[in-house]
C-alpha atoms as a PDB file:
ATOM      1  CA  MET A   1      46.540  25.432  14.855  1.00  0.00           C
ATOM      2  CA  SER A   2      43.657  26.346  13.407  1.00  0.00           C
ATOM      3  CA  LYS A   3      40.795  24.703  13.452  1.00  0.00           C
ATOM      4  CA  LYS A   4      40.875  22.982  10.044  1.00  0.00           C
ATOM      5  CA  MET A   5      44.441  21.672  11.083  1.00  0.00           C
ATOM      6  CA  LYS A   6      43.785  20.049  14.380  1.00  0.00           C
ATOM      7  CA  GLN A   7      40.452  18.503  12.790  1.00  0.00           C
ATOM      8  CA  LYS A   8      42.492  16.649   9.257  1.00  0.00           C
ATOM      9  CA  SER A   9      45.352  15.606  12.370  1.00  0.00           C
ATOM     10  CA  ALA A  10      42.169  14.337  14.204  1.00  0.00           C
ATOM     11  CA  GLU A  11      41.606  12.433  11.080  1.00  0.00           C
ATOM     12  CA  GLN A  12      44.402  10.842  10.554  1.00  0.00           C
ATOM     13  CA  GLY A  13      44.868   9.578  13.437  1.00  0.00           C
ATOM     14  CA  THR A  14      41.411   7.620  13.499  1.00  0.00           C
ATOM     15  CA  TYR A  15      42.472   5.866  10.296  1.00  0.00           C
ATOM     16  CA  ALA A  16      45.986   5.172  11.829  1.00  0.00           C
ATOM     17  CA  LEU A  17      44.378   3.642  14.714  1.00  0.00           C
ATOM     18  CA  CYS A  18      41.695   1.632  12.940  1.00  0.00           C
ATOM     19  CA  ILE A  19      43.998   0.554  10.354  1.00  0.00           C
ATOM     20  CA  THR A  20      46.415  -0.655  13.091  1.00  0.00           C
ATOM     21  CA  ILE A  21      43.495  -2.374  14.921  1.00  0.00           C
ATOM     22  CA  GLY A  22      42.820  -4.071  11.775  1.00  0.00           C
ATOM     23  CA  LEU A  23      45.957  -5.699  11.525  1.00  0.00           C
ATOM     24  CA  ILE A  24      46.443  -6.930  14.617  1.00  0.00           C
ATOM     25  CA  LEU A  25      42.624  -8.795  15.140  1.00  0.00           C
ATOM     26  CA  GLY A  26      43.804 -10.328  11.368  1.00  0.00           C
ATOM     27  CA  ILE A  27      46.846 -11.312  12.451  1.00  0.00           C
ATOM     28  CA  GLY A  28      45.245 -12.952  15.556  1.00  0.00           C
ATOM     29  CA  LEU A  29      42.553 -14.605  13.283  1.00  0.00           C
ATOM     30  CA  GLY A  30      44.977 -15.699  10.668  1.00  0.00           C
ATOM     31  CA  ALA A  31      46.702 -17.723  13.610  1.00  0.00           C
ATOM     32  CA  ILE A  32      43.915 -19.255  14.345  1.00  0.00           C
ATOM     33  CA  VAL A  33      42.277 -19.924  11.557  1.00  0.00           C
ATOM     34  CA  ASN A  34      45.411 -20.666   9.499  1.00  0.00           C
ATOM     35  CA  ASN A  35      45.330 -17.856   6.568  1.00  0.00           C
ATOM     36  CA  MET A  36      47.260 -15.737   8.248  1.00  0.00           C
ATOM     37  CA  LEU A  37      47.564 -13.398   4.617  1.00  0.00           C
ATOM     38  CA  VAL A  38      43.749 -12.765   4.041  1.00  0.00           C
ATOM     39  CA  LEU A  39      42.489 -12.281   7.156  1.00  0.00           C
ATOM     40  CA  THR A  40      44.855  -9.439   7.670  1.00  0.00           C
ATOM     41  CA  LEU A  41      44.329  -7.491   4.498  1.00  0.00           C
ATOM     42  CA  SER A  42      40.384  -8.112   5.623  1.00  0.00           C
ATOM     43  CA  GLY A  43      41.428  -6.758   8.941  1.00  0.00           C
ATOM     44  CA  ALA A  44      43.100  -3.437   7.506  1.00  0.00           C
ATOM     45  CA  ILE A  45      40.458  -3.108   4.786  1.00  0.00           C
ATOM     46  CA  VAL A  46      37.658  -3.473   7.487  1.00  0.00           C
ATOM     47  CA  GLY A  47      39.630  -1.173   9.812  1.00  0.00           C
ATOM     48  CA  ALA A  48      39.894   1.644   6.782  1.00  0.00           C
ATOM     49  CA  ALA A  49      36.053   1.369   6.429  1.00  0.00           C
ATOM     50  CA  ILE A  50      35.596   2.016  10.063  1.00  0.00           C
ATOM     51  CA  ALA A  51      37.675   4.561  10.071  1.00  0.00           C
ATOM     52  CA  TYR A  52      35.650   6.440   7.213  1.00  0.00           C
ATOM     53  CA  TYR A  53      32.399   5.191   9.072  1.00  0.00           C
ATOM     54  CA  PHE A  54      33.537   7.645  11.564  1.00  0.00           C
ATOM     55  CA  ASN A  55      35.102  10.505  10.306  1.00  0.00           C
ATOM     56  CA  HIS A  56      32.163  10.793   8.291  1.00  0.00           C
ATOM     57  CA  GLN A  57      29.233  10.767  10.204  1.00  0.00           C
ATOM     58  CA  LYS A  58      27.101  14.035  10.135  1.00  0.00           C
ATOM     59  CA  ARG A  59      27.314  15.938  13.176  1.00  0.00           C
ATOM     60  CA  ALA A  60      24.323  17.235  14.921  1.00  0.00           C
ATOM     61  CA  ARG A  61      24.459  21.285  14.934  1.00  0.00           C
ATOM     62  CA  ARG A  62      23.381  23.027  18.303  1.00  0.00           C
ATOM     63  CA  HIS A  63      22.060  26.112  17.443  1.00  0.00           C
END
């Protein structure tokens, strides 16, 4: 597998993990606050934003 394919696969895994965690937290908080739909959707959106942040950080180059 090439380096580019490994990086793309890792990015997809990060998105899936963060969105899933956001959904689970949104469902849990939605049950507590009695507003399931809004908190579940906002959890997924926040998870996607966090995954985007993780995937697009500038990496320090080693010399």
